[in-house]
C-alpha atoms as a PDB file:
ATOM      1  CA  UNK A   1      14.765   6.285  73.193  1.00  0.00           C
ATOM      2  CA  UNK A   2      17.364   8.556  71.868  1.00  0.00           C
ATOM      3  CA  UNK A   3      20.641   7.674  70.822  1.00  0.00           C
ATOM      4  CA  UNK A   4      21.852   9.859  73.683  1.00  0.00           C
ATOM      5  CA  UNK A   5      19.906   8.374  76.683  1.00  0.00           C
ATOM      6  CA  UNK A   6      20.863   4.993  74.714  1.00  0.00           C
ATOM      7  CA  UNK A   7      24.255   6.384  75.384  1.00  0.00           C
ATOM      8  CA  UNK A   8      23.663   7.680  78.724  1.00  0.00           C
ATOM      9  CA  UNK A   9      22.704   3.745  79.978  1.00  0.00           C
ATOM     10  CA  UNK A  10      25.502   2.789  78.751  1.00  0.00           C
ATOM     11  CA  UNK A  11      27.670   5.039  80.960  1.00  0.00           C
ATOM     12  CA  UNK A  12      28.527   7.273  78.302  1.00  0.00           C
ATOM     13  CA  UNK A  13      28.843  11.115  79.978  1.00  0.00           C
ATOM     14  CA  UNK A  14      30.968  12.439  76.614  1.00  0.00           C
ATOM     15  CA  UNK A  15      29.037  11.452  73.510  1.00  0.00           C
ATOM     16  CA  UNK A  16      31.636  13.545  71.527  1.00  0.00           C
ATOM     17  CA  UNK A  17      34.975  12.005  72.698  1.00  0.00           C
ATOM     18  CA  UNK A  18      33.077   8.136  72.596  1.00  0.00           C
ATOM     19  CA  UNK A  19      32.390   8.569  68.728  1.00  0.00           C
ATOM     20  CA  UNK A  20      35.882  10.270  67.979  1.00  0.00           C
ATOM     21  CA  UNK A  21      37.122   6.656  69.944  1.00  0.00           C
ATOM     22  CA  UNK A  22      35.009   4.991  67.730  1.00  0.00           C
ATOM     23  CA  UNK A  23      35.584   6.821  64.806  1.00  0.00           C
ATOM     24  CA  UNK A  24      39.543   6.176  65.976  1.00  0.00           C
ATOM     25  CA  UNK A  25      39.424   2.401  66.470  1.00  0.00           C
ATOM     26  CA  UNK A  26      36.703   1.790  63.156  1.00  0.00           C
ATOM     27  CA  UNK A  27      39.257   4.255  60.668  1.00  0.00           C
ATOM     28  CA  UNK A  28      42.319   1.394  61.480  1.00  0.00           C
ATOM     29  CA  UNK A  29      40.038  -1.285  60.133  1.00  0.00           C
ATOM     30  CA  UNK A  30      41.459  -2.981  57.020  1.00  0.00           C
ATOM     31  CA  UNK A  31      37.795  -2.998  54.951  1.00  0.00           C
ATOM     32  CA  UNK A  32      35.521   0.344  54.905  1.00  0.00           C
ATOM     33  CA  UNK A  33      32.733   0.279  57.251  1.00  0.00           C
ATOM     34  CA  UNK A  34      29.388  -0.565  54.739  1.00  0.00           C
ATOM     35  CA  UNK A  35      26.632   0.815  57.815  1.00  0.00           C
ATOM     36  CA  UNK A  36      24.882   4.054  57.599  1.00  0.00           C
ATOM     37  CA  UNK A  37      25.934   6.879  59.822  1.00  0.00           C
ATOM     38  CA  UNK A  38      22.313   6.971  61.663  1.00  0.00           C
ATOM     39  CA  UNK A  39      22.526   3.086  62.610  1.00  0.00           C
ATOM     40  CA  UNK A  40      26.232   3.019  63.058  1.00  0.00           C
ATOM     41  CA  UNK A  41      26.017   5.982  65.943  1.00  0.00           C
ATOM     42  CA  UNK A  42      21.947   5.035  66.857  1.00  0.00           C
ATOM     43  CA  UNK A  43      22.543   1.507  67.506  1.00  0.00           C
ATOM     44  CA  UNK A  44      26.009  -0.571  65.925  1.00  0.00           C
ATOM     45  CA  UNK A  45      29.141   1.120  67.943  1.00  0.00           C
ATOM     46  CA  UNK A  46      26.539   0.904  70.929  1.00  0.00           C
ATOM     47  CA  UNK A  47      25.797  -2.008  71.063  1.00  0.00           C
ATOM     48  CA  UNK A  48      29.370  -2.639  70.505  1.00  0.00           C
ATOM     49  CA  UNK A  49      29.966  -0.919  73.175  1.00  0.00           C
ATOM     50  CA  UNK A  50      27.667  -3.019  75.378  1.00  0.00           C
ATOM     51  CA  UNK A  51      29.969  -6.059  74.481  1.00  0.00           C
ATOM     52  CA  UNK A  52      32.756  -4.365  74.782  1.00  0.00           C
ATOM     53  CA  UNK A  53      31.906  -3.556  78.456  1.00  0.00           C
ATOM     54  CA  UNK A  54      30.073  -6.579  78.833  1.00  0.00           C
ATOM     55  CA  UNK A  55      33.862  -8.283  78.372  1.00  0.00           C
ATOM     56  CA  UNK A  56      35.563  -5.658  80.462  1.00  0.00           C
ATOM     57  CA  UNK A  57      33.087  -6.629  83.486  1.00  0.00           C
ATOM     58  CA  UNK A  58      34.162 -10.239  83.046  1.00  0.00           C
ATOM     59  CA  UNK A  59      30.844 -11.349  81.543  1.00  0.00           C
ATOM     60  CA  UNK A  60      31.580 -14.893  79.902  1.00  0.00           C
ATOM     61  CA  UNK A  61      28.853 -15.292  77.143  1.00  0.00           C
ATOM     62  CA  UNK A  62      27.147 -11.709  76.672  1.00  0.00           C
ATOM     63  CA  UNK A  63      24.087 -12.054  74.867  1.00  0.00           C
ATOM     64  CA  UNK A  64      22.406  -8.968  72.606  1.00  0.00           C
ATOM     65  CA  UNK A  65      19.013  -9.746  71.524  1.00  0.00           C
ATOM     66  CA  UNK A  66      17.279  -7.547  68.725  1.00  0.00           C
ATOM     67  CA  UNK A  67      14.089  -7.470  67.809  1.00  0.00           C
ATOM     68  CA  UNK A  68      11.843  -5.926  65.344  1.00  0.00           C
ATOM     69  CA  UNK A  69       9.315  -6.341  62.838  1.00  0.00           C
ATOM     70  CA  UNK A  70       9.385  -9.013  59.330  1.00  0.00           C
ATOM     71  CA  UNK A  71      11.680  -7.095  56.928  1.00  0.00           C
ATOM     72  CA  UNK A  72      13.049  -4.507  59.030  1.00  0.00           C
ATOM     73  CA  UNK A  73      16.362  -5.205  58.142  1.00  0.00           C
ATOM     74  CA  UNK A  74      17.596  -6.968  61.405  1.00  0.00           C
ATOM     75  CA  UNK A  75      19.682  -9.935  59.933  1.00  0.00           C
ATOM     76  CA  UNK A  76      21.284  -7.190  58.007  1.00  0.00           C
ATOM     77  CA  UNK A  77      22.062  -5.290  61.045  1.00  0.00           C
ATOM     78  CA  UNK A  78      23.179  -8.385  62.702  1.00  0.00           C
ATOM     79  CA  UNK A  79      25.391  -8.786  60.291  1.00  0.00           C
ATOM     80  CA  UNK A  80      27.381  -5.668  60.312  1.00  0.00           C
ATOM     81  CA  UNK A  81      27.792  -5.635  63.604  1.00  0.00           C
ATOM     82  CA  UNK A  82      29.144  -9.196  63.106  1.00  0.00           C
ATOM     83  CA  UNK A  83      31.830  -7.990  60.845  1.00  0.00           C
ATOM     84  CA  UNK A  84      32.548  -4.942  63.003  1.00  0.00           C
ATOM     85  CA  UNK A  85      32.224  -7.445  66.136  1.00  0.00           C
ATOM     86  CA  UNK A  86      35.226  -9.571  64.057  1.00  0.00           C
ATOM     87  CA  UNK A  87      36.766  -6.989  62.815  1.00  0.00           C
ATOM     88  CA  UNK A  88      37.889  -6.004  66.190  1.00  0.00           C
ATOM     89  CA  UNK A  89      38.707  -9.409  67.073  1.00  0.00           C
ATOM     90  CA  UNK A  90      35.949 -10.774  68.936  1.00  0.00           C
ATOM     91  CA  UNK A  91      33.751 -13.563  67.959  1.00  0.00           C
ATOM     92  CA  UNK A  92      30.261 -12.834  67.769  1.00  0.00           C
ATOM     93  CA  UNK A  93      28.018 -15.222  66.304  1.00  0.00           C
ATOM     94  CA  UNK A  94      24.803 -14.891  64.903  1.00  0.00           C
ATOM     95  CA  UNK A  95      21.549 -16.695  65.541  1.00  0.00           C
ATOM     96  CA  UNK A  96      18.420 -15.889  63.964  1.00  0.00           C
ATOM     97  CA  UNK A  97      15.313 -16.782  65.052  1.00  0.00           C
ATOM     98  CA  UNK A  98      14.544 -17.327  61.106  1.00  0.00           C
ATOM     99  CA  UNK A  99      16.864 -20.833  61.695  1.00  0.00           C
ATOM    100  CA  UNK A 100      14.322 -22.337  64.021  1.00  0.00           C
ATOM    101  CA  UNK A 101      12.207 -22.829  61.145  1.00  0.00           C
ATOM    102  CA  UNK A 102      10.866 -26.203  60.898  1.00  0.00           C
ATOM    103  CA  UNK A 103      11.977 -27.854  58.016  1.00  0.00           C
ATOM    104  CA  UNK A 104       9.721 -27.905  54.545  1.00  0.00           C
ATOM    105  CA  UNK A 105       8.462 -30.870  55.055  1.00  0.00           C
ATOM    106  CA  UNK A 106       6.825 -30.934  59.282  1.00  0.00           C
ATOM    107  CA  UNK A 107       6.375 -27.352  58.205  1.00  0.00           C
ATOM    108  CA  UNK A 108       3.603 -27.954  55.461  1.00  0.00           C
ATOM    109  CA  UNK A 109       2.118 -31.082  58.274  1.00  0.00           C
ATOM    110  CA  UNK A 110       2.271 -28.339  61.427  1.00  0.00           C
ATOM    111  CA  UNK A 111       0.790 -25.221  58.852  1.00  0.00           C
ATOM    112  CA  UNK A 112      -1.713 -26.906  56.992  1.00  0.00           C
ATOM    113  CA  UNK A 113      -4.795 -25.207  56.802  1.00  0.00           C
ATOM    114  CA  UNK A 114      -3.259 -22.262  58.802  1.00  0.00           C
ATOM    115  CA  UNK A 115      -5.917 -18.744  58.686  1.00  0.00           C
ATOM    116  CA  UNK A 116      -2.527 -16.625  57.692  1.00  0.00           C
ATOM    117  CA  UNK A 117      -2.728 -18.103  54.226  1.00  0.00           C
ATOM    118  CA  UNK A 118       1.535 -18.137  54.813  1.00  0.00           C
ATOM    119  CA  UNK A 119       3.648 -21.358  56.153  1.00  0.00           C
ATOM    120  CA  UNK A 120       6.368 -18.301  57.450  1.00  0.00           C
ATOM    121  CA  UNK A 121       6.086 -16.307  60.455  1.00  0.00           C
ATOM    122  CA  UNK A 122       2.691 -17.606  62.196  1.00  0.00           C
ATOM    123  CA  UNK A 123       2.494 -19.456  65.032  1.00  0.00           C
ATOM    124  CA  UNK A 124       3.893 -23.363  65.094  1.00  0.00           C
ATOM    125  CA  UNK A 125       6.316 -22.649  62.158  1.00  0.00           C
ATOM    126  CA  UNK A 126       9.489 -22.846  64.815  1.00  0.00           C
ATOM    127  CA  UNK A 127      11.003 -25.196  66.586  1.00  0.00           C
ATOM    128  CA  UNK A 128      12.157 -23.152  69.752  1.00  0.00           C
ATOM    129  CA  UNK A 129      12.945 -25.643  71.299  1.00  0.00           C
ATOM    130  CA  UNK A 130      16.155 -25.872  69.072  1.00  0.00           C
ATOM    131  CA  UNK A 131      17.044 -22.428  69.218  1.00  0.00           C
ATOM    132  CA  UNK A 132      17.671 -23.091  72.753  1.00  0.00           C
ATOM    133  CA  UNK A 133      19.265 -25.877  72.407  1.00  0.00           C
ATOM    134  CA  UNK A 134      21.202 -24.521  70.474  1.00  0.00           C
ATOM    135  CA  UNK A 135      22.197 -21.721  72.813  1.00  0.00           C
ATOM    136  CA  UNK A 136      22.746 -23.492  75.770  1.00  0.00           C
ATOM    137  CA  UNK A 137      25.196 -25.533  73.670  1.00  0.00           C
ATOM    138  CA  UNK A 138      26.945 -22.837  73.139  1.00  0.00           C
ATOM    139  CA  UNK A 139      26.675 -21.924  76.832  1.00  0.00           C
ATOM    140  CA  UNK A 140      28.409 -24.773  77.798  1.00  0.00           C
ATOM    141  CA  UNK A 141      30.900 -24.829  74.862  1.00  0.00           C
ATOM    142  CA  UNK A 142      31.749 -21.885  73.321  1.00  0.00           C
ATOM    143  CA  UNK A 143      30.389 -23.144  69.979  1.00  0.00           C
ATOM    144  CA  UNK A 144      26.518 -22.119  68.254  1.00  0.00           C
ATOM    145  CA  UNK A 145      25.843 -25.185  65.988  1.00  0.00           C
ATOM    146  CA  UNK A 146      22.411 -23.951  64.505  1.00  0.00           C
ATOM    147  CA  UNK A 147      20.287 -25.090  60.821  1.00  0.00           C
ATOM    148  CA  UNK A 148      20.495 -21.869  58.581  1.00  0.00           C
ATOM    149  CA  UNK A 149      17.804 -20.751  56.648  1.00  0.00           C
ATOM    150  CA  UNK A 150      17.645 -19.499  52.875  1.00  0.00           C
ATOM    151  CA  UNK A 151      14.767 -17.640  52.178  1.00  0.00           C
ATOM    152  CA  UNK A 152      15.590 -18.160  48.304  1.00  0.00           C
ATOM    153  CA  UNK A 153      14.835 -21.839  48.232  1.00  0.00           C
ATOM    154  CA  UNK A 154      11.110 -23.259  47.856  1.00  0.00           C
ATOM    155  CA  UNK A 155      10.282 -20.246  45.486  1.00  0.00           C
ATOM    156  CA  UNK A 156      10.749 -18.539  48.073  1.00  0.00           C
ATOM    157  CA  UNK A 157       8.983 -20.188  50.111  1.00  0.00           C
ATOM    158  CA  UNK A 158      12.310 -21.154  52.285  1.00  0.00           C
ATOM    159  CA  UNK A 159      13.780 -24.054  53.670  1.00  0.00           C
ATOM    160  CA  UNK A 160      16.787 -25.337  55.873  1.00  0.00           C
ATOM    161  CA  UNK A 161      20.568 -25.132  54.189  1.00  0.00           C
ATOM    162  CA  UNK A 162      22.672 -27.540  55.869  1.00  0.00           C
ATOM    163  CA  UNK A 163      24.578 -26.225  59.236  1.00  0.00           C
ATOM    164  CA  UNK A 164      27.135 -23.920  60.351  1.00  0.00           C
ATOM    165  CA  UNK A 165      28.842 -24.245  63.853  1.00  0.00           C
ATOM    166  CA  UNK A 166      30.790 -21.336  64.850  1.00  0.00           C
ATOM    167  CA  UNK A 167      32.789 -20.332  67.949  1.00  0.00           C
ATOM    168  CA  UNK A 168      31.800 -17.484  70.281  1.00  0.00           C
ATOM    169  CA  UNK A 169      32.386 -15.552  73.109  1.00  0.00           C
ATOM    170  CA  UNK A 170      29.002 -13.669  72.388  1.00  0.00           C
ATOM    171  CA  UNK A 171      25.889 -14.020  71.152  1.00  0.00           C
ATOM    172  CA  UNK A 172      23.348 -11.927  68.896  1.00  0.00           C
ATOM    173  CA  UNK A 173      20.213 -13.262  68.636  1.00  0.00           C
ATOM    174  CA  UNK A 174      17.864 -11.689  66.315  1.00  0.00           C
ATOM    175  CA  UNK A 175      14.086 -12.212  65.732  1.00  0.00           C
END
């Protein structure tokens, strides 16, 4: 889908005026925007436009989904969206499917002998119920509580590295 059709789906009838409004808003930010221009205008600003429209329509807890292949930059992009949203005064939490990886010992048991030869990504390496429960809790309380997964632990095999709890009016789910 091209950026223009995405904007059209968002109800933007004048893309040039839309971009000028966003440029003016982003120019007021205290810290510089650290985002590739094509990503900023083709995806990040449209995502923020959608969030803004949901808030304007009274949506209590909008959820954005971001899905792409492993290594495509989802986590980096989600962080950029989150920083920009926060700079605009919006509480946006990011939940990653990575945060729902099983703890190390359980992951080793579940994936012993798997034909893929890796212990991350294959079916059975995640705890989807944990992620669902975290989202349900967030919907009730506007507090997202999830473990964080650190891919640098255990010689790059990764493991949970504690829990994070944050208030959020909106959620970006990436994975």
